[in-house]
Amino acid sequence: MAVKTGEGARLEERWRDILAVHARTMCEIDRALHPHGLGASDFEVLDILSAETPAEGDHCRVQNLVGRVHLSQSALSRLIGRLEKEGLVERTVCAEDRRGVWVSLTRRGRELHAEVLPLQRGVLERMLAESSD
């Protein structure tokens, strides 16, 4: 087995550092949001929807979320289904393309997102500041 040296070893070490920061940050976000019934991935979907659909009644194609969250399409679909059961999002079929599905935040989803946004951003500030030290 060859031992990595030089640039390859430094590159691998940087990559592992990035993965470690990501894992620790996701765990901290999960911990901060758990009392509100959300996990980091749940929040990520609510946060993207909040940005993509700023006005009540706006909607976004589920397909547009696929590349923006770090979940498979099937895992995203299950997550959206769970958020829908909890009354945080609504899904509707696209009238123009029956294969397409729209998703939108409900009023309750918008309120919960606004409530937990400072918690998530606080974790990001703390964890990313620690990682740059």
Protein backbone atom coordinates (compact mmCIF):
# COMPACT_ATOMS: atom_id res chain seq x y z
CA MET A 1 0.00 0.00 0.00
CA ALA A 2 1.45 3.34 -1.06
CA VAL A 3 1.71 6.16 1.45
CA LYS A 4 0.41 9.50 0.17
CA THR A 5 2.83 12.38 0.44
CA GLY A 6 3.02 15.97 -0.61
CA GLU A 7 0.14 17.64 -2.41
CA GLY A 8 -2.05 14.50 -2.51
CA ALA A 9 -1.85 14.10 1.28
CA ARG A 10 -2.61 17.79 1.88
CA LEU A 11 -5.58 17.66 -0.49
CA GLU A 12 -6.95 14.56 1.24
CA GLU A 13 -6.47 16.16 4.67
CA ARG A 14 -8.36 19.31 3.58
CA TRP A 15 -11.19 17.14 2.20
CA ARG A 16 -11.45 15.19 5.47
CA ASP A 17 -11.50 18.48 7.41
CA ILE A 18 -14.40 19.72 5.25
CA LEU A 19 -16.31 16.47 5.82
CA ALA A 20 -15.70 16.69 9.58
CA VAL A 21 -16.95 20.29 9.76
CA HIS A 22 -20.02 19.33 7.72
CA ALA A 23 -20.80 16.33 9.96
CA ARG A 24 -20.36 18.31 13.19
CA THR A 25 -22.43 21.21 11.85
CA MET A 26 -25.28 18.96 10.71
CA CYS A 27 -25.33 17.29 14.15
CA GLU A 28 -25.44 20.67 15.89
CA ILE A 29 -28.25 21.88 13.63
CA ASP A 30 -30.17 18.65 14.33
CA ARG A 31 -29.69 19.21 18.08
CA ALA A 32 -30.81 22.86 17.92
CA LEU A 33 -33.91 22.13 15.81
CA HIS A 34 -34.99 18.85 17.46
CA PRO A 35 -37.16 20.59 20.10
CA HIS A 36 -39.09 22.14 17.19
CA GLY A 37 -39.66 18.79 15.48
CA LEU A 38 -37.18 19.44 12.66
CA GLY A 39 -33.88 18.04 11.52
CA ALA A 40 -31.20 19.71 9.43
CA SER A 41 -32.55 18.31 6.14
CA ASP A 42 -36.10 19.35 7.03
CA PHE A 43 -34.89 22.86 7.70
CA GLU A 44 -32.91 22.93 4.45
CA VAL A 45 -36.05 22.21 2.43
CA LEU A 46 -38.07 24.82 4.34
CA ASP A 47 -35.25 27.35 3.92
CA ILE A 48 -34.97 26.81 0.16
CA LEU A 49 -38.75 26.99 -0.22
CA SER A 50 -38.83 30.19 1.80
CA ALA A 51 -36.27 31.76 -0.54
CA GLU A 52 -37.82 30.36 -3.74
CA THR A 53 -41.43 31.13 -2.78
CA PRO A 54 -41.35 34.42 -0.88
CA ALA A 55 -45.10 35.12 -1.06
CA GLU A 56 -47.82 32.96 0.40
CA GLY A 57 -49.29 30.86 -2.40
CA ASP A 58 -46.03 30.73 -4.38
CA HIS A 59 -44.82 27.26 -5.27
CA CYS A 60 -41.72 25.52 -6.57
CA ARG A 61 -41.28 22.36 -8.61
CA VAL A 62 -39.94 19.49 -6.53
CA GLN A 63 -37.48 18.81 -9.36
CA ASN A 64 -35.92 22.24 -8.68
CA LEU A 65 -35.14 21.16 -5.11
CA VAL A 66 -33.39 17.92 -6.08
CA GLY A 67 -30.08 19.53 -7.02
CA ARG A 68 -30.10 21.90 -4.07
CA VAL A 69 -30.50 19.48 -1.17
CA HIS A 70 -28.07 16.70 -0.46
CA LEU A 71 -30.63 13.92 -0.67
CA SER A 72 -31.59 11.44 -3.33
CA GLN A 73 -34.81 12.15 -5.20
CA SER A 74 -36.60 9.37 -3.31
CA ALA A 75 -35.33 10.57 0.09
CA LEU A 76 -36.42 14.12 -0.78
CA SER A 77 -39.84 12.84 -1.77
CA ARG A 78 -40.20 11.03 1.57
CA LEU A 79 -39.04 14.13 3.46
CA ILE A 80 -41.57 16.32 1.62
CA GLY A 81 -44.26 13.74 2.39
CA ARG A 82 -43.40 13.92 6.09
CA LEU A 83 -43.40 17.74 6.03
CA GLU A 84 -46.78 17.61 4.29
CA LYS A 85 -48.20 15.30 7.00
CA GLU A 86 -46.98 17.80 9.60
CA GLY A 87 -48.80 20.61 7.77
CA LEU A 88 -45.62 22.51 6.85
CA VAL A 89 -45.83 22.14 3.06
CA GLU A 90 -48.44 21.32 0.44
CA ARG A 91 -47.92 19.32 -2.75
CA THR A 92 -49.96 19.71 -5.92
CA VAL A 93 -49.69 18.16 -9.37
CA CYS A 94 -48.59 20.48 -12.16
CA ALA A 95 -51.57 21.03 -14.50
CA GLU A 96 -49.34 21.51 -17.56
CA ASP A 97 -47.19 18.43 -16.91
CA ARG A 98 -48.88 15.70 -14.88
CA ARG A 99 -45.45 14.25 -14.03
CA GLY A 100 -44.44 17.48 -12.31
CA VAL A 101 -45.18 18.18 -8.67
CA TRP A 102 -45.34 21.61 -7.06
CA VAL A 103 -44.52 22.17 -3.41
CA SER A 104 -45.26 25.25 -1.33
CA LEU A 105 -44.90 26.33 2.26
CA THR A 106 -48.06 26.55 4.32
CA ARG A 107 -48.59 29.42 6.72
CA ARG A 108 -47.54 27.07 9.53
CA GLY A 109 -44.39 26.15 7.56
CA ARG A 110 -43.49 29.81 7.08
CA GLU A 111 -44.03 30.55 10.76
CA LEU A 112 -41.92 27.60 11.90
CA HIS A 113 -39.16 28.49 9.44
CA ALA A 114 -39.09 32.08 10.73
CA GLU A 115 -39.00 30.81 14.33
CA VAL A 116 -36.06 28.43 13.85
CA LEU A 117 -34.06 30.43 11.28
CA PRO A 118 -32.07 32.30 13.98
CA LEU A 119 -31.22 28.98 15.65
CA GLN A 120 -29.86 27.46 12.44
CA ARG A 121 -27.95 30.61 11.49
CA GLY A 122 -26.48 30.79 15.00
CA VAL A 123 -25.18 27.23 14.68
CA LEU A 124 -23.69 28.05 11.28
CA GLU A 125 -21.95 31.16 12.62
CA ARG A 126 -20.50 29.28 15.59
CA MET A 127 -19.44 26.14 13.73
CA LEU A 128 -17.96 27.92 10.72
CA ALA A 129 -16.09 30.37 12.94
CA GLU A 130 -14.63 27.41 14.86
CA SER A 131 -13.59 25.70 11.62
CA SER A 132 -11.70 28.76 10.36
CA ASP A 133 -9.69 29.11 13.59
